[in-house]
PDB file of N, CA and C in Angstrom:
ATOM      1  N   MET A   1      61.850-185.085 224.444  1.00  0.00           N
ATOM      2  CA  MET A   1      62.234-186.185 223.599  1.00  0.00           C
ATOM      3  C   MET A   1      61.254-186.295 222.429  1.00  0.00           C
ATOM      4  N   LYS A   2      61.785-186.609 221.284  1.00  0.00           N
ATOM      5  CA  LYS A   2      61.001-186.728 220.060  1.00  0.00           C
ATOM      6  C   LYS A   2      61.155-188.151 219.540  1.00  0.00           C
ATOM      7  N   LEU A   3      60.009-188.822 219.289  1.00  0.00           N
ATOM      8  CA  LEU A   3      60.028-190.199 218.824  1.00  0.00           C
ATOM      9  C   LEU A   3      59.323-190.300 217.471  1.00  0.00           C
ATOM     10  N   ARG A   4      60.031-190.838 216.498  1.00  0.00           N
ATOM     11  CA  ARG A   4      59.467-191.031 215.153  1.00  0.00           C
ATOM     12  C   ARG A   4      58.569-192.265 215.181  1.00  0.00           C
ATOM     13  N   ILE A   5      57.373-192.142 214.593  1.00  0.00           N
ATOM     14  CA  ILE A   5      56.426-193.243 214.528  1.00  0.00           C
ATOM     15  C   ILE A   5      56.363-193.746 213.094  1.00  0.00           C
ATOM     16  N   GLN A   6      56.463-195.066 212.963  1.00  0.00           N
ATOM     17  CA  GLN A   6      56.368-195.676 211.640  1.00  0.00           C
ATOM     18  C   GLN A   6      55.681-197.030 211.791  1.00  0.00           C
ATOM     19  N   THR A   7      54.686-197.309 210.951  1.00  0.00           N
ATOM     20  CA  THR A   7      53.990-198.577 210.981  1.00  0.00           C
ATOM     21  C   THR A   7      53.701-199.058 209.560  1.00  0.00           C
ATOM     22  N   GLU A   8      53.717-200.351 209.377  1.00  0.00           N
ATOM     23  CA  GLU A   8      53.381-200.927 208.077  1.00  0.00           C
ATOM     24  C   GLU A   8      51.877-201.046 207.878  1.00  0.00           C
ATOM     25  N   THR A   9      51.090-200.775 208.926  1.00  0.00           N
ATOM     26  CA  THR A   9      49.634-200.858 208.819  1.00  0.00           C
ATOM     27  C   THR A   9      49.012-199.580 208.250  1.00  0.00           C
ATOM     28  N   ALA A  10      49.856-198.629 207.897  1.00  0.00           N
ATOM     29  CA  ALA A  10      49.434-197.399 207.220  1.00  0.00           C
ATOM     30  C   ALA A  10      50.406-197.165 206.062  1.00  0.00           C
ATOM     31  N   PRO A  11      49.995-196.370 205.082  1.00  0.00           N
ATOM     32  CA  PRO A  11      50.893-196.109 203.950  1.00  0.00           C
ATOM     33  C   PRO A  11      52.217-195.502 204.399  1.00  0.00           C
ATOM     34  N   ALA A  12      53.293-195.934 203.777  1.00  0.00           N
ATOM     35  CA  ALA A  12      54.610-195.372 204.066  1.00  0.00           C
ATOM     36  C   ALA A  12      54.648-193.910 203.630  1.00  0.00           C
ATOM     37  N   ALA A  13      55.473-193.137 204.286  1.00  0.00           N
ATOM     38  CA  ALA A  13      55.664-191.744 203.888  1.00  0.00           C
ATOM     39  C   ALA A  13      56.203-191.717 202.456  1.00  0.00           C
ATOM     40  N   ILE A  14      55.685-190.804 201.646  1.00  0.00           N
ATOM     41  CA  ILE A  14      56.115-190.720 200.247  1.00  0.00           C
ATOM     42  C   ILE A  14      57.056-189.532 200.031  1.00  0.00           C
ATOM     43  N   GLY A  15      57.738-189.158 201.079  1.00  0.00           N
ATOM     44  CA  GLY A  15      58.677-188.041 201.011  1.00  0.00           C
ATOM     45  C   GLY A  15      59.506-188.006 202.280  1.00  0.00           C
ATOM     46  N   PRO A  16      60.273-186.942 202.462  1.00  0.00           N
ATOM     47  CA  PRO A  16      61.135-186.828 203.633  1.00  0.00           C
ATOM     48  C   PRO A  16      60.377-186.329 204.870  1.00  0.00           C
ATOM     49  N   TYR A  17      59.483-187.165 205.372  1.00  0.00           N
ATOM     50  CA  TYR A  17      58.725-186.846 206.579  1.00  0.00           C
ATOM     51  C   TYR A  17      58.357-188.147 207.275  1.00  0.00           C
ATOM     52  N   SER A  18      57.851-188.048 208.493  1.00  0.00           N
ATOM     53  CA  SER A  18      57.447-189.204 209.283  1.00  0.00           C
ATOM     54  C   SER A  18      55.936-189.360 209.251  1.00  0.00           C
ATOM     55  N   GLN A  19      55.452-190.581 209.453  1.00  0.00           N
ATOM     56  CA  GLN A  19      54.010-190.787 209.564  1.00  0.00           C
ATOM     57  C   GLN A  19      53.472-190.002 210.752  1.00  0.00           C
ATOM     58  N   ALA A  20      54.254-189.974 211.828  1.00  0.00           N
ATOM     59  CA  ALA A  20      53.885-189.191 213.012  1.00  0.00           C
ATOM     60  C   ALA A  20      55.125-188.982 213.865  1.00  0.00           C
ATOM     61  N   ILE A  21      55.015-188.011 214.755  1.00  0.00           N
ATOM     62  CA  ILE A  21      56.039-187.741 215.760  1.00  0.00           C
ATOM     63  C   ILE A  21      55.334-187.673 217.108  1.00  0.00           C
ATOM     64  N   ARG A  22      55.897-188.373 218.074  1.00  0.00           N
ATOM     65  CA  ARG A  22      55.380-188.310 219.445  1.00  0.00           C
ATOM     66  C   ARG A  22      56.353-187.474 220.264  1.00  0.00           C
ATOM     67  N   ALA A  23      55.838-186.421 220.894  1.00  0.00           N
ATOM     68  CA  ALA A  23      56.684-185.529 221.683  1.00  0.00           C
ATOM     69  C   ALA A  23      55.866-184.858 222.779  1.00  0.00           C
ATOM     70  N   ASN A  24      56.420-184.798 223.966  1.00  0.00           N
ATOM     71  CA  ASN A  24      55.809-184.080 225.089  1.00  0.00           C
ATOM     72  C   ASN A  24      54.349-184.430 225.313  1.00  0.00           C
ATOM     73  N   GLY A  25      54.013-185.710 225.254  1.00  0.00           N
ATOM     74  CA  GLY A  25      52.654-186.152 225.534  1.00  0.00           C
ATOM     75  C   GLY A  25      51.670-185.979 224.399  1.00  0.00           C
ATOM     76  N   LEU A  26      52.162-185.568 223.235  1.00  0.00           N
ATOM     77  CA  LEU A  26      51.298-185.368 222.081  1.00  0.00           C
ATOM     78  C   LEU A  26      51.778-186.213 220.906  1.00  0.00           C
ATOM     79  N   VAL A  27      50.859-186.534 220.013  1.00  0.00           N
ATOM     80  CA  VAL A  27      51.181-187.231 218.771  1.00  0.00           C
ATOM     81  C   VAL A  27      50.774-186.316 217.624  1.00  0.00           C
ATOM     82  N   PHE A  28      51.726-185.990 216.764  1.00  0.00           N
ATOM     83  CA  PHE A  28      51.493-185.135 215.602  1.00  0.00           C
ATOM     84  C   PHE A  28      51.506-186.021 214.365  1.00  0.00           C
ATOM     85  N   CYS A  29      50.332-186.257 213.785  1.00  0.00           N
ATOM     86  CA  CYS A  29      50.210-187.150 212.624  1.00  0.00           C
ATOM     87  C   CYS A  29      50.272-186.364 211.329  1.00  0.00           C
ATOM     88  N   SER A  30      51.122-186.828 210.430  1.00  0.00           N
ATOM     89  CA  SER A  30      51.164-186.242 209.088  1.00  0.00           C
ATOM     90  C   SER A  30      49.847-186.517 208.384  1.00  0.00           C
ATOM     91  N   GLY A  31      49.565-185.731 207.371  1.00  0.00           N
ATOM     92  CA  GLY A  31      48.345-185.928 206.604  1.00  0.00           C
ATOM     93  C   GLY A  31      48.301-187.308 205.969  1.00  0.00           C
ATOM     94  N   GLN A  32      47.158-187.939 206.065  1.00  0.00           N
ATOM     95  CA  GLN A  32      46.948-189.248 205.465  1.00  0.00           C
ATOM     96  C   GLN A  32      46.073-189.089 204.226  1.00  0.00           C
ATOM     97  N   ILE A  33      46.406-189.855 203.192  1.00  0.00           N
ATOM     98  CA  ILE A  33      45.607-189.864 201.964  1.00  0.00           C
ATOM     99  C   ILE A  33      45.050-191.277 201.786  1.00  0.00           C
ATOM    100  N   PRO A  34      44.134-191.484 200.840  1.00  0.00           N
ATOM    101  CA  PRO A  34      43.390-192.745 200.759  1.00  0.00           C
ATOM    102  C   PRO A  34      44.110-193.906 200.089  1.00  0.00           C
ATOM    103  N   ILE A  35      45.332-194.162 200.516  1.00  0.00           N
ATOM    104  CA  ILE A  35      46.083-195.300 199.997  1.00  0.00           C
ATOM    105  C   ILE A  35      45.800-196.522 200.876  1.00  0.00           C
ATOM    106  N   ASP A  36      45.480-197.624 200.246  1.00  0.00           N
ATOM    107  CA  ASP A  36      45.336-198.890 200.946  1.00  0.00           C
ATOM    108  C   ASP A  36      46.753-199.406 201.198  1.00  0.00           C
ATOM    109  N   PRO A  37      47.166-199.553 202.469  1.00  0.00           N
ATOM    110  CA  PRO A  37      48.544-199.962 202.732  1.00  0.00           C
ATOM    111  C   PRO A  37      48.872-201.368 202.208  1.00  0.00           C
ATOM    112  N   ALA A  38      47.866-202.199 202.017  1.00  0.00           N
ATOM    113  CA  ALA A  38      48.099-203.559 201.515  1.00  0.00           C
ATOM    114  C   ALA A  38      48.473-203.568 200.039  1.00  0.00           C
ATOM    115  N   THR A  39      47.916-202.608 199.274  1.00  0.00           N
ATOM    116  CA  THR A  39      48.150-202.591 197.825  1.00  0.00           C
ATOM    117  C   THR A  39      49.036-201.445 197.370  1.00  0.00           C
ATOM    118  N   GLY A  40      49.114-200.394 198.185  1.00  0.00           N
ATOM    119  CA  GLY A  40      49.856-199.204 197.787  1.00  0.00           C
ATOM    120  C   GLY A  40      49.108-198.345 196.787  1.00  0.00           C
ATOM    121  N   LYS A  41      47.837-198.656 196.559  1.00  0.00           N
ATOM    122  CA  LYS A  41      47.015-197.915 195.594  1.00  0.00           C
ATOM    123  C   LYS A  41      45.852-197.235 196.298  1.00  0.00           C
ATOM    124  N   PHE A  42      45.300-196.225 195.630  1.00  0.00           N
ATOM    125  CA  PHE A  42      44.109-195.564 196.149  1.00  0.00           C
ATOM    126  C   PHE A  42      42.950-196.552 196.204  1.00  0.00           C
ATOM    127  N   VAL A  43      42.086-196.384 197.197  1.00  0.00           N
ATOM    128  CA  VAL A  43      40.874-197.193 197.245  1.00  0.00           C
ATOM    129  C   VAL A  43      39.949-196.750 196.113  1.00  0.00           C
ATOM    130  N   ALA A  44      39.146-197.675 195.643  1.00  0.00           N
ATOM    131  CA  ALA A  44      38.176-197.356 194.601  1.00  0.00           C
ATOM    132  C   ALA A  44      37.027-196.559 195.215  1.00  0.00           C
ATOM    133  N   GLY A  45      36.392-195.737 194.400  1.00  0.00           N
ATOM    134  CA  GLY A  45      35.227-194.996 194.857  1.00  0.00           C
ATOM    135  C   GLY A  45      35.473-193.507 194.924  1.00  0.00           C
ATOM    136  N   GLY A  46      34.521-192.827 195.528  1.00  0.00           N
ATOM    137  CA  GLY A  46      34.559-191.373 195.609  1.00  0.00           C
ATOM    138  C   GLY A  46      34.994-190.866 196.970  1.00  0.00           C
ATOM    139  N   ILE A  47      34.498-189.707 197.319  1.00  0.00           N
ATOM    140  CA  ILE A  47      34.924-189.031 198.548  1.00  0.00           C
ATOM    141  C   ILE A  47      34.594-189.842 199.801  1.00  0.00           C
ATOM    142  N   ALA A  48      33.458-190.527 199.841  1.00  0.00           N
ATOM    143  CA  ALA A  48      33.100-191.318 201.026  1.00  0.00           C
ATOM    144  C   ALA A  48      34.107-192.438 201.249  1.00  0.00           C
ATOM    145  N   GLU A  49      34.417-193.183 200.204  1.00  0.00           N
ATOM    146  CA  GLU A  49      35.369-194.284 200.318  1.00  0.00           C
ATOM    147  C   GLU A  49      36.773-193.770 200.638  1.00  0.00           C
ATOM    148  N   GLN A  50      37.138-192.652 200.024  1.00  0.00           N
ATOM    149  CA  GLN A  50      38.456-192.080 200.302  1.00  0.00           C
ATOM    150  C   GLN A  50      38.554-191.604 201.750  1.00  0.00           C
ATOM    151  N   THR A  51      37.506-190.952 202.245  1.00  0.00           N
ATOM    152  CA  THR A  51      37.517-190.462 203.621  1.00  0.00           C
ATOM    153  C   THR A  51      37.630-191.629 204.600  1.00  0.00           C
ATOM    154  N   GLU A  52      36.898-192.697 204.345  1.00  0.00           N
ATOM    155  CA  GLU A  52      36.965-193.868 205.220  1.00  0.00           C
ATOM    156  C   GLU A  52      38.381-194.440 205.269  1.00  0.00           C
ATOM    157  N   GLN A  53      39.033-194.566 204.121  1.00  0.00           N
ATOM    158  CA  GLN A  53      40.393-195.105 204.096  1.00  0.00           C
ATOM    159  C   GLN A  53      41.369-194.171 204.799  1.00  0.00           C
ATOM    160  N   VAL A  54      41.221-192.875 204.579  1.00  0.00           N
ATOM    161  CA  VAL A  54      42.086-191.897 205.244  1.00  0.00           C
ATOM    162  C   VAL A  54      41.981-192.048 206.762  1.00  0.00           C
ATOM    163  N   LEU A  55      40.767-192.189 207.271  1.00  0.00           N
ATOM    164  CA  LEU A  55      40.583-192.299 208.716  1.00  0.00           C
ATOM    165  C   LEU A  55      41.067-193.646 209.250  1.00  0.00           C
ATOM    166  N   LYS A  56      40.972-194.699 208.466  1.00  0.00           N
ATOM    167  CA  LYS A  56      41.563-195.984 208.865  1.00  0.00           C
ATOM    168  C   LYS A  56      43.081-195.851 208.947  1.00  0.00           C
ATOM    169  N   ASN A  57      43.670-195.168 207.973  1.00  0.00           N
ATOM    170  CA  ASN A  57      45.119-194.956 207.978  1.00  0.00           C
ATOM    171  C   ASN A  57      45.535-194.123 209.187  1.00  0.00           C
ATOM    172  N   LEU A  58      44.790-193.070 209.450  1.00  0.00           N
ATOM    173  CA  LEU A  58      45.087-192.202 210.591  1.00  0.00           C
ATOM    174  C   LEU A  58      44.992-193.001 211.889  1.00  0.00           C
ATOM    175  N   SER A  59      43.981-193.839 212.013  1.00  0.00           N
ATOM    176  CA  SER A  59      43.810-194.672 213.194  1.00  0.00           C
ATOM    177  C   SER A  59      44.996-195.612 213.376  1.00  0.00           C
ATOM    178  N   ALA A  60      45.479-196.203 212.292  1.00  0.00           N
ATOM    179  CA  ALA A  60      46.629-197.118 212.366  1.00  0.00           C
ATOM    180  C   ALA A  60      47.883-196.395 212.850  1.00  0.00           C
ATOM    181  N   VAL A  61      48.106-195.188 212.362  1.00  0.00           N
ATOM    182  CA  VAL A  61      49.273-194.406 212.792  1.00  0.00           C
ATOM    183  C   VAL A  61      49.152-194.053 214.275  1.00  0.00           C
ATOM    184  N   LEU A  62      47.967-193.635 214.678  1.00  0.00           N
ATOM    185  CA  LEU A  62      47.756-193.290 216.089  1.00  0.00           C
ATOM    186  C   LEU A  62      47.978-194.496 216.995  1.00  0.00           C
ATOM    187  N   GLU A  63      47.468-195.652 216.593  1.00  0.00           N
ATOM    188  CA  GLU A  63      47.665-196.862 217.393  1.00  0.00           C
ATOM    189  C   GLU A  63      49.147-197.206 217.512  1.00  0.00           C
ATOM    190  N   ALA A  64      49.892-197.045 216.422  1.00  0.00           N
ATOM    191  CA  ALA A  64      51.333-197.312 216.460  1.00  0.00           C
ATOM    192  C   ALA A  64      52.046-196.356 217.409  1.00  0.00           C
ATOM    193  N   ALA A  65      51.470-195.176 217.593  1.00  0.00           N
ATOM    194  CA  ALA A  65      52.056-194.170 218.480  1.00  0.00           C
ATOM    195  C   ALA A  65      51.575-194.320 219.923  1.00  0.00           C
ATOM    196  N   GLY A  66      50.702-195.295 220.170  1.00  0.00           N
ATOM    197  CA  GLY A  66      50.163-195.459 221.514  1.00  0.00           C
ATOM    198  C   GLY A  66      49.036-194.508 221.812  1.00  0.00           C
ATOM    199  N   SER A  67      48.255-194.183 220.797  1.00  0.00           N
ATOM    200  CA  SER A  67      47.119-193.287 220.968  1.00  0.00           C
ATOM    201  C   SER A  67      45.935-193.882 220.209  1.00  0.00           C
ATOM    202  N   SER A  68      44.934-193.069 219.941  1.00  0.00           N
ATOM    203  CA  SER A  68      43.749-193.542 219.227  1.00  0.00           C
ATOM    204  C   SER A  68      42.936-192.351 218.729  1.00  0.00           C
ATOM    205  N   LEU A  69      41.952-192.643 217.903  1.00  0.00           N
ATOM    206  CA  LEU A  69      41.071-191.576 217.416  1.00  0.00           C
ATOM    207  C   LEU A  69      40.343-190.888 218.574  1.00  0.00           C
ATOM    208  N   GLU A  70      40.045-191.629 219.641  1.00  0.00           N
ATOM    209  CA  GLU A  70      39.350-191.052 220.795  1.00  0.00           C
ATOM    210  C   GLU A  70      40.193-190.002 221.511  1.00  0.00           C
ATOM    211  N   ARG A  71      41.493-190.027 221.296  1.00  0.00           N
ATOM    212  CA  ARG A  71      42.394-189.090 221.972  1.00  0.00           C
ATOM    213  C   ARG A  71      42.803-187.913 221.084  1.00  0.00           C
ATOM    214  N   VAL A  72      42.214-187.829 219.892  1.00  0.00           N
ATOM    215  CA  VAL A  72      42.521-186.725 218.974  1.00  0.00           C
ATOM    216  C   VAL A  72      41.915-185.433 219.512  1.00  0.00           C
ATOM    217  N   VAL A  73      42.734-184.375 219.529  1.00  0.00           N
ATOM    218  CA  VAL A  73      42.261-183.074 220.002  1.00  0.00           C
ATOM    219  C   VAL A  73      42.045-182.087 218.857  1.00  0.00           C
ATOM    220  N   LYS A  74      42.684-182.328 217.702  1.00  0.00           N
ATOM    221  CA  LYS A  74      42.558-181.387 216.574  1.00  0.00           C
ATOM    222  C   LYS A  74      42.820-182.113 215.272  1.00  0.00           C
ATOM    223  N   THR A  75      41.978-181.858 214.292  1.00  0.00           N
ATOM    224  CA  THR A  75      42.231-182.355 212.940  1.00  0.00           C
ATOM    225  C   THR A  75      42.186-181.193 211.961  1.00  0.00           C
ATOM    226  N   THR A  76      42.853-181.394 210.852  1.00  0.00           N
ATOM    227  CA  THR A  76      42.713-180.496 209.711  1.00  0.00           C
ATOM    228  C   THR A  76      42.362-181.371 208.525  1.00  0.00           C
ATOM    229  N   VAL A  77      41.253-181.034 207.884  1.00  0.00           N
ATOM    230  CA  VAL A  77      40.775-181.767 206.715  1.00  0.00           C
ATOM    231  C   VAL A  77      41.026-180.896 205.487  1.00  0.00           C
ATOM    232  N   PHE A  78      41.679-181.472 204.508  1.00  0.00           N
ATOM    233  CA  PHE A  78      41.926-180.788 203.237  1.00  0.00           C
ATOM    234  C   PHE A  78      41.064-181.468 202.185  1.00  0.00           C
ATOM    235  N   LEU A  79      40.237-180.694 201.515  1.00  0.00           N
ATOM    236  CA  LEU A  79      39.357-181.230 200.476  1.00  0.00           C
ATOM    237  C   LEU A  79      39.727-180.643 199.120  1.00  0.00           C
ATOM    238  N   ALA A  80      39.703-181.495 198.110  1.00  0.00           N
ATOM    239  CA  ALA A  80      39.946-181.019 196.749  1.00  0.00           C
ATOM    240  C   ALA A  80      38.759-180.197 196.259  1.00  0.00           C
ATOM    241  N   ASP A  81      37.565-180.478 196.782  1.00  0.00           N
ATOM    242  CA  ASP A  81      36.349-179.790 196.342  1.00  0.00           C
ATOM    243  C   ASP A  81      35.399-179.642 197.524  1.00  0.00           C
ATOM    244  N   MET A  82      35.125-178.424 197.952  1.00  0.00           N
ATOM    245  CA  MET A  82      34.238-178.186 199.090  1.00  0.00           C
ATOM    246  C   MET A  82      32.815-178.667 198.829  1.00  0.00           C
ATOM    247  N   ALA A  83      32.461-178.909 197.589  1.00  0.00           N
ATOM    248  CA  ALA A  83      31.139-179.467 197.282  1.00  0.00           C
ATOM    249  C   ALA A  83      31.007-180.875 197.856  1.00  0.00           C
ATOM    250  N   GLU A  84      32.130-181.512 198.207  1.00  0.00           N
ATOM    251  CA  GLU A  84      32.109-182.858 198.770  1.00  0.00           C
ATOM    252  C   GLU A  84      32.141-182.854 200.297  1.00  0.00           C
ATOM    253  N   PHE A  85      31.989-181.666 200.895  1.00  0.00           N
ATOM    254  CA  PHE A  85      32.063-181.536 202.353  1.00  0.00           C
ATOM    255  C   PHE A  85      31.037-182.411 203.068  1.00  0.00           C
ATOM    256  N   ALA A  86      29.787-182.395 202.648  1.00  0.00           N
ATOM    257  CA  ALA A  86      28.732-183.139 203.347  1.00  0.00           C
ATOM    258  C   ALA A  86      29.018-184.641 203.348  1.00  0.00           C
ATOM    259  N   GLU A  87      29.461-185.175 202.223  1.00  0.00           N
ATOM    260  CA  GLU A  87      29.776-186.611 202.157  1.00  0.00           C
ATOM    261  C   GLU A  87      30.962-186.949 203.055  1.00  0.00           C
ATOM    262  N   MET A  88      32.001-186.126 203.016  1.00  0.00           N
ATOM    263  CA  MET A  88      33.158-186.334 203.885  1.00  0.00           C
ATOM    264  C   MET A  88      32.720-186.266 205.341  1.00  0.00           C
ATOM    265  N   ASN A  89      31.913-185.280 205.677  1.00  0.00           N
ATOM    266  CA  ASN A  89      31.501-185.038 207.051  1.00  0.00           C
ATOM    267  C   ASN A  89      30.677-186.202 207.609  1.00  0.00           C
ATOM    268  N   GLU A  90      29.874-186.827 206.769  1.00  0.00           N
ATOM    269  CA  GLU A  90      29.059-187.959 207.211  1.00  0.00           C
ATOM    270  C   GLU A  90      29.967-189.116 207.629  1.00  0.00           C
ATOM    271  N   VAL A  91      30.973-189.423 206.827  1.00  0.00           N
ATOM    272  CA  VAL A  91      31.916-190.497 207.160  1.00  0.00           C
ATOM    273  C   VAL A  91      32.749-190.109 208.383  1.00  0.00           C
ATOM    274  N   TYR A  92      33.247-188.898 208.411  1.00  0.00           N
ATOM    275  CA  TYR A  92      34.041-188.385 209.535  1.00  0.00           C
ATOM    276  C   TYR A  92      33.274-188.561 210.844  1.00  0.00           C
ATOM    277  N   GLY A  93      31.985-188.263 210.819  1.00  0.00           N
ATOM    278  CA  GLY A  93      31.144-188.358 212.008  1.00  0.00           C
ATOM    279  C   GLY A  93      30.990-189.777 212.540  1.00  0.00           C
ATOM    280  N   ARG A  94      31.195-190.769 211.706  1.00  0.00           N
ATOM    281  CA  ARG A  94      31.142-192.166 212.168  1.00  0.00           C
ATOM    282  C   ARG A  94      32.414-192.546 212.912  1.00  0.00           C
ATOM    283  N   PHE A  95      33.514-191.887 212.612  1.00  0.00           N
ATOM    284  CA  PHE A  95      34.791-192.186 213.256  1.00  0.00           C
ATOM    285  C   PHE A  95      35.011-191.368 214.518  1.00  0.00           C
ATOM    286  N   PHE A  96      34.463-190.160 214.563  1.00  0.00           N
ATOM    287  CA  PHE A  96      34.622-189.282 215.711  1.00  0.00           C
ATOM    288  C   PHE A  96      33.259-189.059 216.353  1.00  0.00           C
ATOM    289  N   THR A  97      33.074-189.614 217.543  1.00  0.00           N
ATOM    290  CA  THR A  97      31.820-189.462 218.277  1.00  0.00           C
ATOM    291  C   THR A  97      32.146-188.994 219.689  1.00  0.00           C
ATOM    292  N   GLY A  98      31.145-188.680 220.451  1.00  0.00           N
ATOM    293  CA  GLY A  98      31.381-188.231 221.830  1.00  0.00           C
ATOM    294  C   GLY A  98      32.043-186.875 221.848  1.00  0.00           C
ATOM    295  N   GLN A  99      33.172-186.779 222.535  1.00  0.00           N
ATOM    296  CA  GLN A  99      33.910-185.517 222.588  1.00  0.00           C
ATOM    297  C   GLN A  99      34.714-185.390 221.299  1.00  0.00           C
ATOM    298  N   THR A 100      34.102-184.785 220.305  1.00  0.00           N
ATOM    299  CA  THR A 100      34.749-184.652 219.003  1.00  0.00           C
ATOM    300  C   THR A 100      35.876-183.621 219.065  1.00  0.00           C
ATOM    301  N   PRO A 101      36.909-183.825 218.240  1.00  0.00           N
ATOM    302  CA  PRO A 101      38.045-182.901 218.263  1.00  0.00           C
ATOM    303  C   PRO A 101      37.707-181.565 217.604  1.00  0.00           C
ATOM    304  N   ALA A 102      38.524-180.582 217.897  1.00  0.00           N
ATOM    305  CA  ALA A 102      38.465-179.331 217.144  1.00  0.00           C
ATOM    306  C   ALA A 102      38.853-179.668 215.703  1.00  0.00           C
ATOM    307  N   ARG A 103      38.357-178.878 214.741  1.00  0.00           N
ATOM    308  CA  ARG A 103      38.642-179.206 213.348  1.00  0.00           C
ATOM    309  C   ARG A 103      38.631-177.943 212.491  1.00  0.00           C
ATOM    310  N   ALA A 104      39.499-177.948 211.513  1.00  0.00           N
ATOM    311  CA  ALA A 104      39.453-176.961 210.435  1.00  0.00           C
ATOM    312  C   ALA A 104      39.308-177.756 209.143  1.00  0.00           C
ATOM    313  N   THR A 105      38.513-177.246 208.224  1.00  0.00           N
ATOM    314  CA  THR A 105      38.370-177.874 206.905  1.00  0.00           C
ATOM    315  C   THR A 105      38.645-176.806 205.870  1.00  0.00           C
ATOM    316  N   VAL A 106      39.578-177.104 204.978  1.00  0.00           N
ATOM    317  CA  VAL A 106      39.961-176.128 203.963  1.00  0.00           C
ATOM    318  C   VAL A 106      39.971-176.769 202.586  1.00  0.00           C
ATOM    319  N   ALA A 107      39.694-175.949 201.590  1.00  0.00           N
ATOM    320  CA  ALA A 107      39.809-176.402 200.203  1.00  0.00           C
ATOM    321  C   ALA A 107      41.276-176.286 199.806  1.00  0.00           C
ATOM    322  N   ALA A 108      41.765-177.319 199.150  1.00  0.00           N
ATOM    323  CA  ALA A 108      43.161-177.330 198.710  1.00  0.00           C
ATOM    324  C   ALA A 108      43.202-177.398 197.191  1.00  0.00           C
ATOM    325  N   ALA A 109      44.047-176.592 196.589  1.00  0.00           N
ATOM    326  CA  ALA A 109      44.134-176.542 195.127  1.00  0.00           C
ATOM    327  C   ALA A 109      44.642-177.854 194.551  1.00  0.00           C
ATOM    328  N   GLY A 110      45.430-178.584 195.308  1.00  0.00           N
ATOM    329  CA  GLY A 110      45.937-179.876 194.846  1.00  0.00           C
ATOM    330  C   GLY A 110      46.442-180.682 196.020  1.00  0.00           C
ATOM    331  N   LEU A 111      46.045-181.940 196.077  1.00  0.00           N
ATOM    332  CA  LEU A 111      46.496-182.833 197.133  1.00  0.00           C
ATOM    333  C   LEU A 111      47.411-183.903 196.537  1.00  0.00           C
ATOM    334  N   PRO A 112      48.247-184.535 197.362  1.00  0.00           N
ATOM    335  CA  PRO A 112      49.154-185.551 196.830  1.00  0.00           C
ATOM    336  C   PRO A 112      48.409-186.621 196.028  1.00  0.00           C
ATOM    337  N   ARG A 113      48.983-186.960 194.891  1.00  0.00           N
ATOM    338  CA  ARG A 113      48.445-187.997 194.000  1.00  0.00           C
ATOM    339  C   ARG A 113      46.990-187.753 193.595  1.00  0.00           C
ATOM    340  N   ASP A 114      46.576-186.496 193.593  1.00  0.00           N
ATOM    341  CA  ASP A 114      45.217-186.100 193.230  1.00  0.00           C
ATOM    342  C   ASP A 114      44.151-186.698 194.137  1.00  0.00           C
ATOM    343  N   ALA A 115      44.468-186.864 195.411  1.00  0.00           N
ATOM    344  CA  ALA A 115      43.485-187.338 196.387  1.00  0.00           C
ATOM    345  C   ALA A 115      42.340-186.346 196.472  1.00  0.00           C
ATOM    346  N   ARG A 116      41.166-186.832 196.878  1.00  0.00           N
ATOM    347  CA  ARG A 116      40.005-185.961 197.106  1.00  0.00           C
ATOM    348  C   ARG A 116      40.042-185.389 198.515  1.00  0.00           C
ATOM    349  N   VAL A 117      40.736-186.106 199.452  1.00  0.00           N
ATOM    350  CA  VAL A 117      40.767-185.700 200.852  1.00  0.00           C
ATOM    351  C   VAL A 117      42.090-186.110 201.487  1.00  0.00           C
ATOM    352  N   GLU A 118      42.548-185.279 202.410  1.00  0.00           N
ATOM    353  CA  GLU A 118      43.715-185.573 203.243  1.00  0.00           C
ATOM    354  C   GLU A 118      43.387-185.069 204.641  1.00  0.00           C
ATOM    355  N   ILE A 119      43.758-185.839 205.667  1.00  0.00           N
ATOM    356  CA  ILE A 119      43.473-185.425 207.036  1.00  0.00           C
ATOM    357  C   ILE A 119      44.726-185.612 207.883  1.00  0.00           C
ATOM    358  N   GLU A 120      45.056-184.558 208.660  1.00  0.00           N
ATOM    359  CA  GLU A 120      46.139-184.628 209.633  1.00  0.00           C
ATOM    360  C   GLU A 120      45.530-184.454 211.015  1.00  0.00           C
ATOM    361  N   ALA A 121      46.271-184.867 212.064  1.00  0.00           N
ATOM    362  CA  ALA A 121      45.704-184.803 213.412  1.00  0.00           C
ATOM    363  C   ALA A 121      46.787-184.591 214.460  1.00  0.00           C
ATOM    364  N   VAL A 122      46.336-184.065 215.588  1.00  0.00           N
ATOM    365  CA  VAL A 122      47.145-183.977 216.805  1.00  0.00           C
ATOM    366  C   VAL A 122      46.338-184.688 217.884  1.00  0.00           C
ATOM    367  N   ALA A 123      46.995-185.598 218.600  1.00  0.00           N
ATOM    368  CA  ALA A 123      46.313-186.384 219.630  1.00  0.00           C
ATOM    369  C   ALA A 123      47.123-186.417 220.904  1.00  0.00           C
ATOM    370  N   LEU A 124      46.449-186.754 221.983  1.00  0.00           N
ATOM    371  CA  LEU A 124      47.136-187.000 223.250  1.00  0.00           C
ATOM    372  C   LEU A 124      47.733-188.385 223.217  1.00  0.00           C
ATOM    373  N   ALA A 125      48.956-188.518 223.664  1.00  0.00           N
ATOM    374  CA  ALA A 125      49.562-189.838 223.800  1.00  0.00           C
ATOM    375  C   ALA A 125      49.008-190.461 225.081  1.00  0.00           C
ATOM    376  N   THR A 126      49.029-191.771 225.155  1.00  0.00           N
ATOM    377  CA  THR A 126      48.593-192.407 226.388  1.00  0.00           C
ATOM    378  C   THR A 126      49.622-192.138 227.461  1.00  0.00           C
ATOM    379  N   GLU A 127      49.166-192.081 228.668  1.00  0.00           N
ATOM    380  CA  GLU A 127      50.053-191.764 229.802  1.00  0.00           C
ATOM    381  C   GLU A 127      50.974-192.920 230.087  1.00  0.00           C
TER     382      GLU A 127
END
């Protein structure tokens, strides 16, 4: 069974996709960008502020799916500029502690709406 996840506490999908899909005990989260769901606009600031908002958005989607950041098993981080890796990583490390998920980080030639960072995740659904 496949269940579409949608919440108003995270930015709405800006295309023909779902915020997340829950299937077979897993939650597959679409990439989140640094949009403040209350305003529909990017948060002010640089990579640190953008990364924080992205992870708040990801957390909101996971919660709507009955999961959480603690249950994430894999993330993919897309960066507009790898020179910003250390700043992104510092913020990321505040959200993921203990048994941290597997992760890939890649440079992307262009992210939606010229974001500096986008993060997608796969998590375990709650039993």
